[in-house]
């Protein structure tokens, strides 16, 4: 279960959860990242109709991947789901202080219920028994995979006993993705790789993100400094005449407009830096997962 404010409940190893995901752009046709804040709603979908008693780690991994989890976060998400619900999508803990649903045990107790139903555009709490809806909620609650601390099975370390099983599930899911698909790949091949892929340097992406954030900080400083100069110019150069004619006010309005424009550019640059940093993080995690897969193959031999 996720989001339990009661320390005693945390100690008991419960965890609850909720939020909405997004598919990574690494797969053609995948969804764009979904909102992880309460201020943005998720699109409505038809209720899940299939009664499945238990999902395999591979199936859970597919739902988590489709929701947006990547790299090591994907493995952790699967392990948390196994610790929370033992892979049972119909799991429901109605014992206070919990009212938790589904694979990741999204808590809907008290005021959380109406708030989260609005956030995820749910008609009822039972829609969280849909593995897809639940996975998307988990992705949002985790801040798009940034933190699993909302789950007490994570903070208590209970999820660790499921990590090996989760890794095998993720590996099986990836093997299935590689084998599946009858459609011909019509993408243009990348440079230097006959398989049609491309090379990525995560260090270069990280450096780009740092440079972008430096520019954003400089824009923030410039915004305040330049506005002060414009205001000083209006007061010092034109004095009482400037105020009486309205020229000083016009100059001040110009300065404020300039400040808003600089603030907008600064926000866009900062957003770009964050996106590039997350992309670099995902590529590093994928490299780590590939290395883990190779080591596992060697151990199996």
C-alpha atoms as a PDB file:
ATOM      1  CA  UNK A   1       0.000   0.000   0.000  1.00  0.00           C
ATOM      2  CA  UNK A   2       1.200   3.540  -0.603  1.00  0.00           C
ATOM      3  CA  UNK A   3       1.215   6.883   1.117  1.00  0.00           C
ATOM      4  CA  UNK A   4       0.496   5.677   4.663  1.00  0.00           C
ATOM      5  CA  UNK A   5       1.265   8.532   7.080  1.00  0.00           C
ATOM      6  CA  UNK A   6       1.130   6.217  10.116  1.00  0.00           C
ATOM      7  CA  UNK A   7       4.672   5.179  11.213  1.00  0.00           C
ATOM      8  CA  UNK A   8       3.303   2.056  12.897  1.00  0.00           C
ATOM      9  CA  UNK A   9       1.767   0.957   9.644  1.00  0.00           C
ATOM     10  CA  UNK A  10       5.045   1.542   7.875  1.00  0.00           C
ATOM     11  CA  UNK A  11       6.797  -0.630  10.383  1.00  0.00           C
ATOM     12  CA  UNK A  12       4.308  -3.366   9.623  1.00  0.00           C
ATOM     13  CA  UNK A  13       5.531  -3.326   6.053  1.00  0.00           C
ATOM     14  CA  UNK A  14       2.459  -1.965   4.292  1.00  0.00           C
ATOM     15  CA  UNK A  15       2.598   0.307   1.267  1.00  0.00           C
ATOM     16  CA  UNK A  16       0.065   2.012  -0.871  1.00  0.00           C
ATOM     17  CA  UNK A  17       0.216   3.810  -4.110  1.00  0.00           C
ATOM     18  CA  UNK A  18      -1.332   5.856  -6.847  1.00  0.00           C
ATOM     19  CA  UNK A  19      -0.666   7.843 -10.057  1.00  0.00           C
ATOM     20  CA  UNK A  20      -0.435   7.663 -13.830  1.00  0.00           C
ATOM     21  CA  UNK A  21       2.333   6.551 -16.195  1.00  0.00           C
ATOM     22  CA  UNK A  22       3.639   7.057 -19.597  1.00  0.00           C
ATOM     23  CA  UNK A  23       5.284   4.984 -22.247  1.00  0.00           C
ATOM     24  CA  UNK A  24       8.822   5.770 -23.115  1.00  0.00           C
ATOM     25  CA  UNK A  25       9.615   7.146 -26.551  1.00  0.00           C
ATOM     26  CA  UNK A  26      12.068   4.283 -27.025  1.00  0.00           C
ATOM     27  CA  UNK A  27       9.360   2.203 -28.695  1.00  0.00           C
ATOM     28  CA  UNK A  28       7.527   3.389 -31.856  1.00  0.00           C
ATOM     29  CA  UNK A  29       3.989   4.450 -31.113  1.00  0.00           C
ATOM     30  CA  UNK A  30       4.522   4.541 -27.369  1.00  0.00           C
ATOM     31  CA  UNK A  31       2.631   7.047 -25.293  1.00  0.00           C
ATOM     32  CA  UNK A  32       4.082  10.303 -24.140  1.00  0.00           C
ATOM     33  CA  UNK A  33       4.835  10.640 -20.425  1.00  0.00           C
ATOM     34  CA  UNK A  34       1.759  11.084 -18.278  1.00  0.00           C
ATOM     35  CA  UNK A  35       1.173  13.581 -15.513  1.00  0.00           C
ATOM     36  CA  UNK A  36       2.315  12.577 -12.051  1.00  0.00           C
ATOM     37  CA  UNK A  37       0.606  15.431 -10.279  1.00  0.00           C
ATOM     38  CA  UNK A  38      -2.865  15.738  -8.888  1.00  0.00           C
ATOM     39  CA  UNK A  39      -3.531  18.734 -11.063  1.00  0.00           C
ATOM     40  CA  UNK A  40      -3.760  16.781 -14.314  1.00  0.00           C
ATOM     41  CA  UNK A  41      -6.284  14.105 -15.110  1.00  0.00           C
ATOM     42  CA  UNK A  42      -5.722  10.913 -17.019  1.00  0.00           C
ATOM     43  CA  UNK A  43      -7.805   9.852 -20.010  1.00  0.00           C
ATOM     44  CA  UNK A  44     -10.747   7.594 -19.238  1.00  0.00           C
ATOM     45  CA  UNK A  45     -10.568   3.982 -20.381  1.00  0.00           C
ATOM     46  CA  UNK A  46     -13.073   1.117 -20.435  1.00  0.00           C
ATOM     47  CA  UNK A  47     -13.123  -0.954 -17.225  1.00  0.00           C
ATOM     48  CA  UNK A  48     -10.965  -4.062 -17.132  1.00  0.00           C
ATOM     49  CA  UNK A  49     -13.144  -7.139 -17.487  1.00  0.00           C
ATOM     50  CA  UNK A  50     -10.730 -10.032 -17.074  1.00  0.00           C
ATOM     51  CA  UNK A  51     -10.605 -11.862 -13.767  1.00  0.00           C
ATOM     52  CA  UNK A  52      -7.036 -13.133 -13.327  1.00  0.00           C
ATOM     53  CA  UNK A  53      -6.049 -14.591  -9.993  1.00  0.00           C
ATOM     54  CA  UNK A  54      -2.311 -14.021 -10.315  1.00  0.00           C
ATOM     55  CA  UNK A  55       0.088 -12.504 -12.836  1.00  0.00           C
ATOM     56  CA  UNK A  56       3.586 -13.755 -13.558  1.00  0.00           C
ATOM     57  CA  UNK A  57       6.584 -11.461 -13.015  1.00  0.00           C
ATOM     58  CA  UNK A  58       6.892 -11.242 -16.801  1.00  0.00           C
ATOM     59  CA  UNK A  59       3.291 -10.025 -17.114  1.00  0.00           C
ATOM     60  CA  UNK A  60       3.772  -7.507 -14.313  1.00  0.00           C
ATOM     61  CA  UNK A  61       6.953  -6.297 -16.016  1.00  0.00           C
ATOM     62  CA  UNK A  62       5.012  -5.717 -19.236  1.00  0.00           C
ATOM     63  CA  UNK A  63       2.370  -3.637 -17.449  1.00  0.00           C
ATOM     64  CA  UNK A  64       5.059  -1.650 -15.620  1.00  0.00           C
ATOM     65  CA  UNK A  65       7.011  -1.100 -18.839  1.00  0.00           C
ATOM     66  CA  UNK A  66       3.896   0.037 -20.696  1.00  0.00           C
ATOM     67  CA  UNK A  67       3.198   2.468 -17.861  1.00  0.00           C
ATOM     68  CA  UNK A  68       6.616   4.075 -18.329  1.00  0.00           C
ATOM     69  CA  UNK A  69       9.075   2.370 -15.964  1.00  0.00           C
ATOM     70  CA  UNK A  70      12.526   1.824 -17.465  1.00  0.00           C
ATOM     71  CA  UNK A  71      15.933   0.478 -16.501  1.00  0.00           C
ATOM     72  CA  UNK A  72      16.511  -0.450 -12.870  1.00  0.00           C
ATOM     73  CA  UNK A  73      13.284   1.353 -11.972  1.00  0.00           C
ATOM     74  CA  UNK A  74      11.391  -1.279 -13.966  1.00  0.00           C
ATOM     75  CA  UNK A  75      12.946  -4.116 -11.971  1.00  0.00           C
ATOM     76  CA  UNK A  76      12.258  -2.310  -8.701  1.00  0.00           C
ATOM     77  CA  UNK A  77       8.644  -1.643  -9.695  1.00  0.00           C
ATOM     78  CA  UNK A  78       8.061  -5.340 -10.387  1.00  0.00           C
ATOM     79  CA  UNK A  79       9.665  -6.321  -7.078  1.00  0.00           C
ATOM     80  CA  UNK A  80       7.481  -3.820  -5.203  1.00  0.00           C
ATOM     81  CA  UNK A  81       4.333  -5.183  -6.878  1.00  0.00           C
ATOM     82  CA  UNK A  82       5.287  -8.721  -5.899  1.00  0.00           C
ATOM     83  CA  UNK A  83       5.894  -7.609  -2.313  1.00  0.00           C
ATOM     84  CA  UNK A  84       2.656  -5.602  -2.192  1.00  0.00           C
ATOM     85  CA  UNK A  85       0.172  -8.024  -3.733  1.00  0.00           C
ATOM     86  CA  UNK A  86       2.052 -11.242  -4.566  1.00  0.00           C
ATOM     87  CA  UNK A  87       1.141 -10.479  -8.180  1.00  0.00           C
ATOM     88  CA  UNK A  88      -2.629 -10.601  -7.566  1.00  0.00           C
ATOM     89  CA  UNK A  89      -4.392  -7.836  -9.529  1.00  0.00           C
ATOM     90  CA  UNK A  90      -7.602  -8.378  -7.509  1.00  0.00           C
ATOM     91  CA  UNK A  91      -5.830  -7.843  -4.175  1.00  0.00           C
ATOM     92  CA  UNK A  92      -7.752  -5.523  -1.844  1.00  0.00           C
ATOM     93  CA  UNK A  93      -6.729  -4.667   1.706  1.00  0.00           C
ATOM     94  CA  UNK A  94      -9.729  -3.050   3.411  1.00  0.00           C
ATOM     95  CA  UNK A  95      -8.271  -3.039   6.919  1.00  0.00           C
ATOM     96  CA  UNK A  96      -7.811   0.546   8.233  1.00  0.00           C
ATOM     97  CA  UNK A  97      -5.625   2.531   7.947  1.00  0.00           C
ATOM     98  CA  UNK A  98      -5.678   1.020   4.460  1.00  0.00           C
ATOM     99  CA  UNK A  99      -8.125   0.693   1.613  1.00  0.00           C
ATOM    100  CA  UNK A 100      -5.622  -0.441  -0.977  1.00  0.00           C
ATOM    101  CA  UNK A 101      -6.234  -1.912  -4.417  1.00  0.00           C
ATOM    102  CA  UNK A 102      -4.458  -3.929  -7.042  1.00  0.00           C
ATOM    103  CA  UNK A 103      -0.927  -4.937  -7.915  1.00  0.00           C
ATOM    104  CA  UNK A 104       0.740  -1.920  -6.319  1.00  0.00           C
ATOM    105  CA  UNK A 105      -1.883  -1.553  -3.563  1.00  0.00           C
ATOM    106  CA  UNK A 106      -3.039   1.984  -4.317  1.00  0.00           C
ATOM    107  CA  UNK A 107      -4.533   3.391  -1.131  1.00  0.00           C
ATOM    108  CA  UNK A 108      -7.935   5.073  -1.435  1.00  0.00           C
ATOM    109  CA  UNK A 109      -8.755   5.489   2.253  1.00  0.00           C
ATOM    110  CA  UNK A 110     -10.659   8.568   3.377  1.00  0.00           C
ATOM    111  CA  UNK A 111      -9.894  11.799   1.549  1.00  0.00           C
ATOM    112  CA  UNK A 112      -7.465   9.995  -0.738  1.00  0.00           C
ATOM    113  CA  UNK A 113     -10.380   8.296  -2.485  1.00  0.00           C
ATOM    114  CA  UNK A 114     -12.150  11.347  -3.981  1.00  0.00           C
ATOM    115  CA  UNK A 115      -8.840  13.070  -4.678  1.00  0.00           C
ATOM    116  CA  UNK A 116      -7.377  10.152  -6.595  1.00  0.00           C
ATOM    117  CA  UNK A 117     -10.590   9.318  -8.401  1.00  0.00           C
ATOM    118  CA  UNK A 118     -10.521  12.854  -9.770  1.00  0.00           C
ATOM    119  CA  UNK A 119      -6.853  12.579 -10.630  1.00  0.00           C
ATOM    120  CA  UNK A 120      -7.235   9.339 -12.531  1.00  0.00           C
ATOM    121  CA  UNK A 121     -10.765   9.916 -13.790  1.00  0.00           C
ATOM    122  CA  UNK A 122     -12.102   6.792 -12.086  1.00  0.00           C
ATOM    123  CA  UNK A 123     -15.771   6.005 -11.588  1.00  0.00           C
ATOM    124  CA  UNK A 124     -14.955   3.683  -8.700  1.00  0.00           C
ATOM    125  CA  UNK A 125     -11.986   2.452  -6.697  1.00  0.00           C
ATOM    126  CA  UNK A 126     -12.385  -0.995  -8.212  1.00  0.00           C
ATOM    127  CA  UNK A 127     -11.090   0.270 -11.528  1.00  0.00           C
ATOM    128  CA  UNK A 128      -7.683   0.088  -9.848  1.00  0.00           C
ATOM    129  CA  UNK A 129      -8.010  -3.698 -10.044  1.00  0.00           C
ATOM    130  CA  UNK A 130      -7.189  -3.230 -13.726  1.00  0.00           C
ATOM    131  CA  UNK A 131      -3.422  -3.938 -13.913  1.00  0.00           C
ATOM    132  CA  UNK A 132      -2.914  -1.249 -16.547  1.00  0.00           C
ATOM    133  CA  UNK A 133      -4.662   1.437 -14.500  1.00  0.00           C
ATOM    134  CA  UNK A 134      -2.823   0.348 -11.368  1.00  0.00           C
ATOM    135  CA  UNK A 135       0.566   0.380 -13.103  1.00  0.00           C
ATOM    136  CA  UNK A 136      -0.056   3.858 -14.417  1.00  0.00           C
ATOM    137  CA  UNK A 137      -1.010   5.003 -10.945  1.00  0.00           C
ATOM    138  CA  UNK A 138       2.185   3.498  -9.572  1.00  0.00           C
ATOM    139  CA  UNK A 139       4.257   5.275 -12.200  1.00  0.00           C
ATOM    140  CA  UNK A 140       2.760   8.615 -11.254  1.00  0.00           C
ATOM    141  CA  UNK A 141       3.092   8.050  -7.499  1.00  0.00           C
ATOM    142  CA  UNK A 142       6.745   7.152  -7.949  1.00  0.00           C
ATOM    143  CA  UNK A 143       7.347  10.452  -9.739  1.00  0.00           C
ATOM    144  CA  UNK A 144       7.843   8.615 -13.040  1.00  0.00           C
ATOM    145  CA  UNK A 145      10.162   6.110 -11.422  1.00  0.00           C
ATOM    146  CA  UNK A 146      12.202   8.636  -9.443  1.00  0.00           C
ATOM    147  CA  UNK A 147      11.300   7.349  -5.951  1.00  0.00           C
ATOM    148  CA  UNK A 148       9.651   4.264  -4.487  1.00  0.00           C
ATOM    149  CA  UNK A 149       9.573   5.631  -0.950  1.00  0.00           C
ATOM    150  CA  UNK A 150       5.752   5.882  -0.956  1.00  0.00           C
ATOM    151  CA  UNK A 151       5.716   2.063  -0.583  1.00  0.00           C
ATOM    152  CA  UNK A 152       6.583   0.697   2.842  1.00  0.00           C
ATOM    153  CA  UNK A 153       7.628  -2.589   1.254  1.00  0.00           C
ATOM    154  CA  UNK A 154      10.380  -0.513  -0.343  1.00  0.00           C
ATOM    155  CA  UNK A 155      11.400   1.530   2.701  1.00  0.00           C
ATOM    156  CA  UNK A 156      11.370  -1.585   4.894  1.00  0.00           C
ATOM    157  CA  UNK A 157      13.440  -3.485   2.340  1.00  0.00           C
ATOM    158  CA  UNK A 158      10.811  -6.230   1.928  1.00  0.00           C
ATOM    159  CA  UNK A 159      10.914  -5.799  -1.867  1.00  0.00           C
ATOM    160  CA  UNK A 160      14.540  -6.966  -1.995  1.00  0.00           C
ATOM    161  CA  UNK A 161      13.557 -10.601  -1.511  1.00  0.00           C
ATOM    162  CA  UNK A 162      11.654 -10.348  -4.819  1.00  0.00           C
ATOM    163  CA  UNK A 163      14.416  -8.697  -6.877  1.00  0.00           C
ATOM    164  CA  UNK A 164      15.781 -11.897  -8.442  1.00  0.00           C
ATOM    165  CA  UNK A 165      12.287 -12.949  -9.490  1.00  0.00           C
ATOM    166  CA  UNK A 166      11.640  -9.440 -10.808  1.00  0.00           C
ATOM    167  CA  UNK A 167      14.864  -9.458 -12.861  1.00  0.00           C
ATOM    168  CA  UNK A 168      13.927 -12.766 -14.450  1.00  0.00           C
ATOM    169  CA  UNK A 169      10.488 -11.365 -15.262  1.00  0.00           C
ATOM    170  CA  UNK A 170      11.963  -8.279 -16.917  1.00  0.00           C
ATOM    171  CA  UNK A 171      14.411 -10.408 -18.905  1.00  0.00           C
ATOM    172  CA  UNK A 172      11.601 -12.699 -20.075  1.00  0.00           C
ATOM    173  CA  UNK A 173       9.533  -9.690 -21.111  1.00  0.00           C
ATOM    174  CA  UNK A 174      12.417  -8.321 -23.173  1.00  0.00           C
ATOM    175  CA  UNK A 175      13.008 -11.648 -24.868  1.00  0.00           C
ATOM    176  CA  UNK A 176       9.332 -11.752 -25.749  1.00  0.00           C
ATOM    177  CA  UNK A 177       9.518  -8.245 -27.211  1.00  0.00           C
ATOM    178  CA  UNK A 178      12.510  -9.223 -29.316  1.00  0.00           C
ATOM    179  CA  UNK A 179      10.750 -12.305 -30.719  1.00  0.00           C
ATOM    180  CA  UNK A 180       7.351 -10.710 -31.195  1.00  0.00           C
ATOM    181  CA  UNK A 181       6.126  -8.467 -33.972  1.00  0.00           C
ATOM    182  CA  UNK A 182       5.505  -9.495 -37.557  1.00  0.00           C
ATOM    183  CA  UNK A 183       5.588  -5.980 -38.978  1.00  0.00           C
ATOM    184  CA  UNK A 184       8.570  -5.064 -41.086  1.00  0.00           C
ATOM    185  CA  UNK A 185      10.781  -2.347 -39.631  1.00  0.00           C
ATOM    186  CA  UNK A 186      10.757   0.504 -42.143  1.00  0.00           C
ATOM    187  CA  UNK A 187      12.935   2.869 -40.131  1.00  0.00           C
ATOM    188  CA  UNK A 188      16.049   4.222 -41.800  1.00  0.00           C
ATOM    189  CA  UNK A 189      19.262   2.631 -40.521  1.00  0.00           C
ATOM    190  CA  UNK A 190      21.416   4.690 -38.218  1.00  0.00           C
ATOM    191  CA  UNK A 191      25.014   5.584 -38.991  1.00  0.00           C
ATOM    192  CA  UNK A 192      27.668   3.040 -38.195  1.00  0.00           C
ATOM    193  CA  UNK A 193      25.323   0.267 -37.097  1.00  0.00           C
ATOM    194  CA  UNK A 194      24.085  -2.251 -39.662  1.00  0.00           C
ATOM    195  CA  UNK A 195      21.252  -3.276 -37.320  1.00  0.00           C
ATOM    196  CA  UNK A 196      19.566   0.099 -37.838  1.00  0.00           C
ATOM    197  CA  UNK A 197      20.315   1.374 -34.333  1.00  0.00           C
ATOM    198  CA  UNK A 198      22.245   4.398 -33.165  1.00  0.00           C
ATOM    199  CA  UNK A 199      24.926   5.257 -30.641  1.00  0.00           C
ATOM    200  CA  UNK A 200      24.212   7.325 -27.542  1.00  0.00           C
ATOM    201  CA  UNK A 201      26.769   8.905 -25.225  1.00  0.00           C
ATOM    202  CA  UNK A 202      25.077   9.373 -21.814  1.00  0.00           C
ATOM    203  CA  UNK A 203      28.033  11.453 -20.590  1.00  0.00           C
ATOM    204  CA  UNK A 204      27.501  13.904 -23.448  1.00  0.00           C
ATOM    205  CA  UNK A 205      23.803  14.123 -22.577  1.00  0.00           C
ATOM    206  CA  UNK A 206      24.635  14.779 -18.932  1.00  0.00           C
ATOM    207  CA  UNK A 207      27.096  17.500 -19.914  1.00  0.00           C
ATOM    208  CA  UNK A 208      24.461  19.069 -22.167  1.00  0.00           C
ATOM    209  CA  UNK A 209      21.963  19.052 -19.300  1.00  0.00           C
ATOM    210  CA  UNK A 210      24.480  20.768 -16.988  1.00  0.00           C
ATOM    211  CA  UNK A 211      25.212  23.445 -19.592  1.00  0.00           C
ATOM    212  CA  UNK A 212      21.502  24.032 -20.134  1.00  0.00           C
ATOM    213  CA  UNK A 213      20.921  24.435 -16.398  1.00  0.00           C
ATOM    214  CA  UNK A 214      23.812  26.912 -16.222  1.00  0.00           C
ATOM    215  CA  UNK A 215      22.159  28.958 -18.969  1.00  0.00           C
ATOM    216  CA  UNK A 216      18.855  28.783 -17.099  1.00  0.00           C
ATOM    217  CA  UNK A 217      20.519  30.090 -13.928  1.00  0.00           C
ATOM    218  CA  UNK A 218      22.189  32.914 -15.862  1.00  0.00           C
ATOM    219  CA  UNK A 219      18.860  33.878 -17.415  1.00  0.00           C
ATOM    220  CA  UNK A 220      17.266  33.988 -13.972  1.00  0.00           C
ATOM    221  CA  UNK A 221      19.995  36.314 -12.703  1.00  0.00           C
ATOM    222  CA  UNK A 222      19.823  38.481 -15.816  1.00  0.00           C
ATOM    223  CA  UNK A 223      16.049  38.821 -15.529  1.00  0.00           C
ATOM    224  CA  UNK A 224      16.289  40.442 -12.100  1.00  0.00           C
ATOM    225  CA  UNK A 225      19.340  42.541 -12.957  1.00  0.00           C
ATOM    226  CA  UNK A 226      18.044  43.956 -16.238  1.00  0.00           C
ATOM    227  CA  UNK A 227      14.620  44.813 -14.832  1.00  0.00           C
ATOM    228  CA  UNK A 228      16.314  46.787 -12.084  1.00  0.00           C
ATOM    229  CA  UNK A 229      18.326  48.672 -14.713  1.00  0.00           C
ATOM    230  CA  UNK A 230      15.214  49.588 -16.684  1.00  0.00           C
ATOM    231  CA  UNK A 231      13.447  50.834 -13.575  1.00  0.00           C
ATOM    232  CA  UNK A 232      16.494  52.825 -12.511  1.00  0.00           C
ATOM    233  CA  UNK A 233      16.697  54.370 -15.976  1.00  0.00           C
ATOM    234  CA  UNK A 234      13.085  55.521 -15.753  1.00  0.00           C
ATOM    235  CA  UNK A 235      13.549  57.060 -12.308  1.00  0.00           C
ATOM    236  CA  UNK A 236      17.040  58.528 -12.656  1.00  0.00           C
ATOM    237  CA  UNK A 237      16.953  59.834 -16.227  1.00  0.00           C
ATOM    238  CA  UNK A 238      13.459  61.267 -16.484  1.00  0.00           C
ATOM    239  CA  UNK A 239      12.515  62.011 -12.895  1.00  0.00           C
ATOM    240  CA  UNK A 240       9.306  63.996 -12.324  1.00  0.00           C
ATOM    241  CA  UNK A 241       8.797  64.743 -16.043  1.00  0.00           C
ATOM    242  CA  UNK A 242       8.918  61.051 -16.848  1.00  0.00           C
ATOM    243  CA  UNK A 243       6.286  60.326 -14.239  1.00  0.00           C
ATOM    244  CA  UNK A 244       4.014  63.168 -15.309  1.00  0.00           C
ATOM    245  CA  UNK A 245       4.142  62.256 -19.000  1.00  0.00           C
ATOM    246  CA  UNK A 246       3.688  58.557 -18.345  1.00  0.00           C
ATOM    247  CA  UNK A 247       6.958  57.719 -20.082  1.00  0.00           C
ATOM    248  CA  UNK A 248       8.444  56.234 -16.924  1.00  0.00           C
ATOM    249  CA  UNK A 249       5.436  53.937 -16.505  1.00  0.00           C
ATOM    250  CA  UNK A 250       5.667  52.857 -20.135  1.00  0.00           C
ATOM    251  CA  UNK A 251       9.346  52.069 -19.691  1.00  0.00           C
ATOM    252  CA  UNK A 252       8.589  50.074 -16.561  1.00  0.00           C
ATOM    253  CA  UNK A 253       5.920  48.095 -18.396  1.00  0.00           C
ATOM    254  CA  UNK A 254       8.436  47.352 -21.122  1.00  0.00           C
ATOM    255  CA  UNK A 255      10.863  46.088 -18.495  1.00  0.00           C
ATOM    256  CA  UNK A 256       8.220  43.850 -16.952  1.00  0.00           C
ATOM    257  CA  UNK A 257       7.323  42.452 -20.374  1.00  0.00           C
ATOM    258  CA  UNK A 258      10.988  41.745 -21.021  1.00  0.00           C
ATOM    259  CA  UNK A 259      11.227  40.022 -17.662  1.00  0.00           C
ATOM    260  CA  UNK A 260       8.299  37.741 -18.487  1.00  0.00           C
ATOM    261  CA  UNK A 261       9.871  36.777 -21.800  1.00  0.00           C
ATOM    262  CA  UNK A 262      13.198  35.969 -20.179  1.00  0.00           C
ATOM    263  CA  UNK A 263      11.393  33.979 -17.487  1.00  0.00           C
ATOM    264  CA  UNK A 264       9.614  31.949 -20.180  1.00  0.00           C
ATOM    265  CA  UNK A 265      12.861  31.183 -21.998  1.00  0.00           C
ATOM    266  CA  UNK A 266      14.499  30.257 -18.724  1.00  0.00           C
ATOM    267  CA  UNK A 267      11.655  27.860 -17.891  1.00  0.00           C
ATOM    268  CA  UNK A 268      11.918  26.176 -21.300  1.00  0.00           C
ATOM    269  CA  UNK A 269      15.685  25.775 -20.998  1.00  0.00           C
ATOM    270  CA  UNK A 270      15.326  24.316 -17.502  1.00  0.00           C
ATOM    271  CA  UNK A 271      12.655  21.887 -18.726  1.00  0.00           C
ATOM    272  CA  UNK A 272      14.918  20.807 -21.588  1.00  0.00           C
ATOM    273  CA  UNK A 273      17.778  20.222 -19.160  1.00  0.00           C
ATOM    274  CA  UNK A 274      15.576  18.018 -16.995  1.00  0.00           C
ATOM    275  CA  UNK A 275      14.402  15.970 -19.979  1.00  0.00           C
ATOM    276  CA  UNK A 276      17.950  15.422 -21.249  1.00  0.00           C
ATOM    277  CA  UNK A 277      19.132  14.416 -17.772  1.00  0.00           C
ATOM    278  CA  UNK A 278      16.334  11.848 -17.485  1.00  0.00           C
ATOM    279  CA  UNK A 279      17.175  10.479 -20.934  1.00  0.00           C
ATOM    280  CA  UNK A 280      20.818  10.039 -19.926  1.00  0.00           C
ATOM    281  CA  UNK A 281      19.695   8.272 -16.747  1.00  0.00           C
ATOM    282  CA  UNK A 282      17.495   5.860 -18.703  1.00  0.00           C
ATOM    283  CA  UNK A 283      20.300   4.968 -21.127  1.00  0.00           C
ATOM    284  CA  UNK A 284      22.673   4.280 -18.239  1.00  0.00           C
ATOM    285  CA  UNK A 285      20.066   2.052 -16.601  1.00  0.00           C
ATOM    286  CA  UNK A 286      19.569   0.155 -19.853  1.00  0.00           C
ATOM    287  CA  UNK A 287      23.321  -0.404 -20.088  1.00  0.00           C
ATOM    288  CA  UNK A 288      23.324  -1.702 -16.512  1.00  0.00           C
ATOM    289  CA  UNK A 289      20.422  -4.038 -17.264  1.00  0.00           C
ATOM    290  CA  UNK A 290      22.197  -5.418 -20.336  1.00  0.00           C
ATOM    291  CA  UNK A 291      25.303  -6.047 -18.241  1.00  0.00           C
ATOM    292  CA  UNK A 292      23.176  -7.820 -15.610  1.00  0.00           C
ATOM    293  CA  UNK A 293      21.589  -9.970 -18.320  1.00  0.00           C
ATOM    294  CA  UNK A 294      25.004 -10.988 -19.658  1.00  0.00           C
ATOM    295  CA  UNK A 295      26.259 -11.846 -16.178  1.00  0.00           C
ATOM    296  CA  UNK A 296      23.135 -13.899 -15.543  1.00  0.00           C
ATOM    297  CA  UNK A 297      23.672 -15.812 -18.795  1.00  0.00           C
ATOM    298  CA  UNK A 298      27.260 -16.537 -17.776  1.00  0.00           C
ATOM    299  CA  UNK A 299      26.137 -17.722 -14.345  1.00  0.00           C
ATOM    300  CA  UNK A 300      23.464 -19.955 -15.889  1.00  0.00           C
ATOM    301  CA  UNK A 301      26.132 -21.621 -18.009  1.00  0.00           C
END
